[in-house]
Amino acid sequence: MMTELVTLAGVIPGAKPTPIPGLNGTVSQIFGYGLWLVVLAGAGGAGFGVYKLAVSDKQRGHGGSEPFKWMGGGVAAILLGGSLITILNGIAGG
């Protein structure tokens, strides 16, 4: 189990937020870490959707769209958080 956590730690990029001009350092840092948490939550949601798709009942009329809702929400959160991180890093000149 510990080996898997160390392996996952190498995959996830370091959350080192770039200071945003005009914002207090603490507010900028909390906002930056919050965006990284949105990206990680999106990855978790997409992963949970894949899991639900793998173990779901494949018969008709049994909530077959629910895994796709999880995956779509996860991908949307990843795109939103990633684009905001990119925009803020561009504004901050990072």
N, C-alpha and C. Protein backbone atom coordinates (compact mmCIF):
# COMPACT_ATOMS: atom_id res chain seq x y z
N MET A 1 0.83 -1.19 0.00
CA MET A 1 0.00 0.00 0.00
C MET A 1 0.87 1.26 0.00
N MET A 2 1.91 1.25 0.81
CA MET A 2 2.76 2.44 0.89
C MET A 2 3.50 2.68 -0.42
N THR A 3 3.87 1.59 -1.11
CA THR A 3 4.54 1.73 -2.39
C THR A 3 3.63 2.41 -3.41
N GLU A 4 2.34 2.06 -3.38
CA GLU A 4 1.40 2.68 -4.30
C GLU A 4 1.26 4.17 -4.01
N LEU A 5 1.23 4.56 -2.76
CA LEU A 5 1.11 5.97 -2.41
C LEU A 5 2.33 6.75 -2.88
N VAL A 6 3.50 6.17 -2.72
CA VAL A 6 4.71 6.85 -3.17
C VAL A 6 4.70 6.97 -4.69
N THR A 7 4.23 5.94 -5.38
CA THR A 7 4.13 5.99 -6.83
C THR A 7 3.14 7.06 -7.26
N LEU A 8 2.00 7.15 -6.60
CA LEU A 8 1.02 8.18 -6.94
C LEU A 8 1.54 9.57 -6.65
N ALA A 9 2.37 9.71 -5.62
CA ALA A 9 2.91 11.03 -5.30
C ALA A 9 3.82 11.52 -6.42
N GLY A 10 4.46 10.63 -7.14
CA GLY A 10 5.30 11.03 -8.26
C GLY A 10 4.49 11.44 -9.48
N VAL A 11 3.26 10.97 -9.60
CA VAL A 11 2.41 11.28 -10.75
C VAL A 11 1.75 12.64 -10.58
N ILE A 12 1.32 12.95 -9.37
CA ILE A 12 0.61 14.21 -9.10
C ILE A 12 1.63 15.34 -9.06
N PRO A 13 1.42 16.38 -9.87
CA PRO A 13 2.37 17.50 -9.88
C PRO A 13 2.35 18.26 -8.56
N GLY A 14 3.47 18.86 -8.23
CA GLY A 14 3.58 19.64 -7.01
C GLY A 14 2.70 20.87 -7.06
N ALA A 15 1.98 21.13 -6.00
CA ALA A 15 1.11 22.30 -5.95
C ALA A 15 1.90 23.46 -5.37
N LYS A 16 2.57 24.19 -6.23
CA LYS A 16 3.36 25.35 -5.82
C LYS A 16 2.74 26.56 -6.52
N PRO A 17 1.72 27.18 -5.90
CA PRO A 17 1.01 28.26 -6.59
C PRO A 17 1.90 29.48 -6.80
N THR A 18 1.70 30.11 -7.94
CA THR A 18 2.41 31.34 -8.28
C THR A 18 1.69 32.51 -7.63
N PRO A 19 2.42 33.40 -6.95
CA PRO A 19 1.75 34.56 -6.33
C PRO A 19 1.08 35.43 -7.39
N ILE A 20 -0.13 35.86 -7.10
CA ILE A 20 -0.90 36.69 -8.02
C ILE A 20 -0.69 38.14 -7.63
N PRO A 21 -0.28 38.98 -8.59
CA PRO A 21 -0.07 40.39 -8.26
C PRO A 21 -1.35 41.06 -7.77
N GLY A 22 -1.25 41.84 -6.73
CA GLY A 22 -2.40 42.56 -6.20
C GLY A 22 -3.17 41.81 -5.13
N LEU A 23 -2.85 40.56 -4.91
CA LEU A 23 -3.52 39.80 -3.86
C LEU A 23 -2.55 39.59 -2.71
N ASN A 24 -3.10 39.52 -1.52
CA ASN A 24 -2.31 39.20 -0.35
C ASN A 24 -1.68 37.82 -0.55
N GLY A 25 -0.48 37.60 -0.04
CA GLY A 25 0.22 36.33 -0.22
C GLY A 25 -0.55 35.14 0.29
N THR A 26 -1.19 35.29 1.45
CA THR A 26 -1.94 34.19 2.03
C THR A 26 -3.17 33.85 1.19
N VAL A 27 -3.90 34.87 0.74
CA VAL A 27 -5.09 34.65 -0.08
C VAL A 27 -4.69 33.99 -1.40
N SER A 28 -3.61 34.46 -1.99
CA SER A 28 -3.14 33.89 -3.25
C SER A 28 -2.76 32.43 -3.09
N GLN A 29 -2.09 32.11 -2.00
CA GLN A 29 -1.66 30.74 -1.76
C GLN A 29 -2.85 29.81 -1.51
N ILE A 30 -3.81 30.26 -0.70
CA ILE A 30 -5.01 29.45 -0.43
C ILE A 30 -5.79 29.23 -1.72
N PHE A 31 -5.92 30.27 -2.54
CA PHE A 31 -6.64 30.16 -3.81
C PHE A 31 -5.94 29.17 -4.74
N GLY A 32 -4.62 29.24 -4.80
CA GLY A 32 -3.85 28.32 -5.64
C GLY A 32 -4.01 26.88 -5.21
N TYR A 33 -3.90 26.63 -3.90
CA TYR A 33 -4.09 25.27 -3.40
C TYR A 33 -5.52 24.80 -3.60
N GLY A 34 -6.49 25.71 -3.49
CA GLY A 34 -7.88 25.35 -3.73
C GLY A 34 -8.12 24.88 -5.16
N LEU A 35 -7.45 25.54 -6.11
CA LEU A 35 -7.60 25.12 -7.51
C LEU A 35 -6.99 23.74 -7.72
N TRP A 36 -5.86 23.46 -7.06
CA TRP A 36 -5.26 22.12 -7.18
C TRP A 36 -6.18 21.08 -6.57
N LEU A 37 -6.87 21.43 -5.49
CA LEU A 37 -7.82 20.48 -4.90
C LEU A 37 -9.00 20.22 -5.83
N VAL A 38 -9.42 21.23 -6.58
CA VAL A 38 -10.50 21.03 -7.56
C VAL A 38 -10.05 20.04 -8.64
N VAL A 39 -8.80 20.19 -9.09
CA VAL A 39 -8.28 19.27 -10.10
C VAL A 39 -8.20 17.85 -9.55
N LEU A 40 -7.71 17.70 -8.32
CA LEU A 40 -7.61 16.37 -7.72
C LEU A 40 -8.99 15.77 -7.46
N ALA A 41 -9.95 16.60 -7.05
CA ALA A 41 -11.31 16.10 -6.85
C ALA A 41 -11.92 15.66 -8.18
N GLY A 42 -11.63 16.38 -9.25
CA GLY A 42 -12.10 15.98 -10.57
C GLY A 42 -11.51 14.65 -11.00
N ALA A 43 -10.23 14.46 -10.72
CA ALA A 43 -9.60 13.18 -11.04
C ALA A 43 -10.24 12.05 -10.23
N GLY A 44 -10.54 12.32 -8.98
CA GLY A 44 -11.21 11.32 -8.15
C GLY A 44 -12.61 11.01 -8.66
N GLY A 45 -13.34 12.04 -9.08
CA GLY A 45 -14.69 11.83 -9.61
C GLY A 45 -14.66 11.03 -10.91
N ALA A 46 -13.72 11.34 -11.78
CA ALA A 46 -13.61 10.59 -13.04
C ALA A 46 -13.23 9.14 -12.76
N GLY A 47 -12.32 8.95 -11.82
CA GLY A 47 -11.93 7.58 -11.45
C GLY A 47 -13.09 6.80 -10.85
N PHE A 48 -13.88 7.46 -10.01
CA PHE A 48 -15.04 6.80 -9.41
C PHE A 48 -16.06 6.44 -10.48
N GLY A 49 -16.21 7.30 -11.50
CA GLY A 49 -17.11 6.99 -12.60
C GLY A 49 -16.67 5.76 -13.37
N VAL A 50 -15.36 5.64 -13.59
CA VAL A 50 -14.83 4.45 -14.27
C VAL A 50 -15.10 3.22 -13.41
N TYR A 51 -14.90 3.33 -12.10
CA TYR A 51 -15.17 2.21 -11.19
C TYR A 51 -16.65 1.81 -11.24
N LYS A 52 -17.55 2.80 -11.18
CA LYS A 52 -18.98 2.50 -11.21
C LYS A 52 -19.39 1.87 -12.54
N LEU A 53 -18.73 2.28 -13.63
CA LEU A 53 -19.02 1.68 -14.92
C LEU A 53 -18.58 0.22 -14.95
N ALA A 54 -17.45 -0.06 -14.32
CA ALA A 54 -16.93 -1.43 -14.32
C ALA A 54 -17.80 -2.38 -13.50
N VAL A 55 -18.37 -1.89 -12.40
CA VAL A 55 -19.12 -2.78 -11.51
C VAL A 55 -20.64 -2.62 -11.65
N SER A 56 -21.10 -1.80 -12.60
CA SER A 56 -22.53 -1.55 -12.69
C SER A 56 -23.27 -2.73 -13.32
N ASP A 57 -24.55 -2.76 -13.05
CA ASP A 57 -25.43 -3.76 -13.63
C ASP A 57 -25.72 -3.33 -15.07
N LYS A 58 -25.41 -4.15 -16.00
CA LYS A 58 -25.51 -3.77 -17.41
C LYS A 58 -26.90 -3.99 -18.01
N GLN A 59 -27.89 -4.30 -17.19
CA GLN A 59 -29.24 -4.50 -17.71
C GLN A 59 -29.90 -3.16 -18.00
N ARG A 60 -30.99 -3.23 -18.75
CA ARG A 60 -31.70 -2.00 -19.11
C ARG A 60 -32.42 -1.41 -17.90
N GLY A 61 -32.47 -0.09 -17.86
CA GLY A 61 -33.26 0.61 -16.86
C GLY A 61 -32.70 0.59 -15.46
N HIS A 62 -31.42 0.38 -15.31
CA HIS A 62 -30.83 0.35 -13.97
C HIS A 62 -29.80 1.45 -13.78
N GLY A 63 -30.12 2.66 -14.18
CA GLY A 63 -29.22 3.79 -13.94
C GLY A 63 -27.93 3.71 -14.72
N GLY A 64 -28.00 3.35 -15.98
CA GLY A 64 -26.80 3.18 -16.78
C GLY A 64 -26.06 4.47 -17.07
N SER A 65 -26.70 5.62 -16.88
CA SER A 65 -26.02 6.88 -17.18
C SER A 65 -25.26 7.45 -15.98
N GLU A 66 -25.46 6.89 -14.79
CA GLU A 66 -24.81 7.46 -13.61
C GLU A 66 -23.28 7.46 -13.69
N PRO A 67 -22.62 6.38 -14.13
CA PRO A 67 -21.16 6.45 -14.23
C PRO A 67 -20.68 7.55 -15.17
N PHE A 68 -21.44 7.79 -16.25
CA PHE A 68 -21.03 8.82 -17.19
C PHE A 68 -21.21 10.22 -16.61
N LYS A 69 -22.18 10.37 -15.70
CA LYS A 69 -22.33 11.64 -15.00
C LYS A 69 -21.12 11.90 -14.11
N TRP A 70 -20.66 10.87 -13.41
CA TRP A 70 -19.46 11.01 -12.56
C TRP A 70 -18.24 11.34 -13.40
N MET A 71 -18.07 10.61 -14.50
CA MET A 71 -16.90 10.85 -15.34
C MET A 71 -16.95 12.23 -15.98
N GLY A 72 -18.13 12.63 -16.46
CA GLY A 72 -18.27 13.95 -17.07
C GLY A 72 -18.03 15.08 -16.08
N GLY A 73 -18.56 14.92 -14.87
CA GLY A 73 -18.32 15.93 -13.83
C GLY A 73 -16.86 16.01 -13.45
N GLY A 74 -16.21 14.86 -13.37
CA GLY A 74 -14.78 14.84 -13.04
C GLY A 74 -13.94 15.50 -14.11
N VAL A 75 -14.22 15.20 -15.36
CA VAL A 75 -13.47 15.81 -16.47
C VAL A 75 -13.74 17.31 -16.52
N ALA A 76 -14.98 17.71 -16.27
CA ALA A 76 -15.30 19.15 -16.25
C ALA A 76 -14.54 19.87 -15.15
N ALA A 77 -14.44 19.25 -13.96
CA ALA A 77 -13.69 19.86 -12.85
C ALA A 77 -12.20 19.95 -13.19
N ILE A 78 -11.66 18.93 -13.84
CA ILE A 78 -10.25 18.96 -14.23
C ILE A 78 -10.01 20.08 -15.24
N LEU A 79 -10.88 20.20 -16.22
CA LEU A 79 -10.73 21.25 -17.23
C LEU A 79 -10.87 22.64 -16.62
N LEU A 80 -11.85 22.81 -15.75
CA LEU A 80 -12.07 24.12 -15.12
C LEU A 80 -10.88 24.51 -14.24
N GLY A 81 -10.48 23.60 -13.35
CA GLY A 81 -9.35 23.91 -12.47
C GLY A 81 -8.06 24.10 -13.24
N GLY A 82 -7.81 23.24 -14.23
CA GLY A 82 -6.59 23.36 -15.02
C GLY A 82 -6.53 24.65 -15.81
N SER A 83 -7.65 25.04 -16.40
CA SER A 83 -7.64 26.28 -17.18
C SER A 83 -7.48 27.50 -16.27
N LEU A 84 -8.11 27.48 -15.09
CA LEU A 84 -7.93 28.60 -14.17
C LEU A 84 -6.49 28.69 -13.67
N ILE A 85 -5.87 27.55 -13.39
CA ILE A 85 -4.46 27.55 -12.98
C ILE A 85 -3.59 28.14 -14.10
N THR A 86 -3.86 27.74 -15.34
CA THR A 86 -3.08 28.23 -16.47
C THR A 86 -3.27 29.73 -16.66
N ILE A 87 -4.51 30.19 -16.56
CA ILE A 87 -4.79 31.62 -16.72
C ILE A 87 -4.10 32.42 -15.62
N LEU A 88 -4.23 31.97 -14.37
CA LEU A 88 -3.61 32.73 -13.27
C LEU A 88 -2.09 32.71 -13.35
N ASN A 89 -1.51 31.60 -13.78
CA ASN A 89 -0.06 31.56 -13.96
C ASN A 89 0.37 32.49 -15.09
N GLY A 90 -0.45 32.61 -16.13
CA GLY A 90 -0.15 33.55 -17.21
C GLY A 90 -0.23 34.99 -16.75
N ILE A 91 -1.23 35.30 -15.90
CA ILE A 91 -1.38 36.66 -15.36
C ILE A 91 -0.21 36.97 -14.43
N ALA A 92 0.16 35.99 -13.62
CA ALA A 92 1.22 36.21 -12.64
C ALA A 92 2.61 36.19 -13.28
N GLY A 93 2.68 35.75 -14.53
CA GLY A 93 3.97 35.73 -15.21
C GLY A 93 4.82 34.53 -14.81
N GLY A 94 4.15 33.45 -14.36
CA GLY A 94 4.88 32.27 -13.90
C GLY A 94 5.07 31.36 -15.03
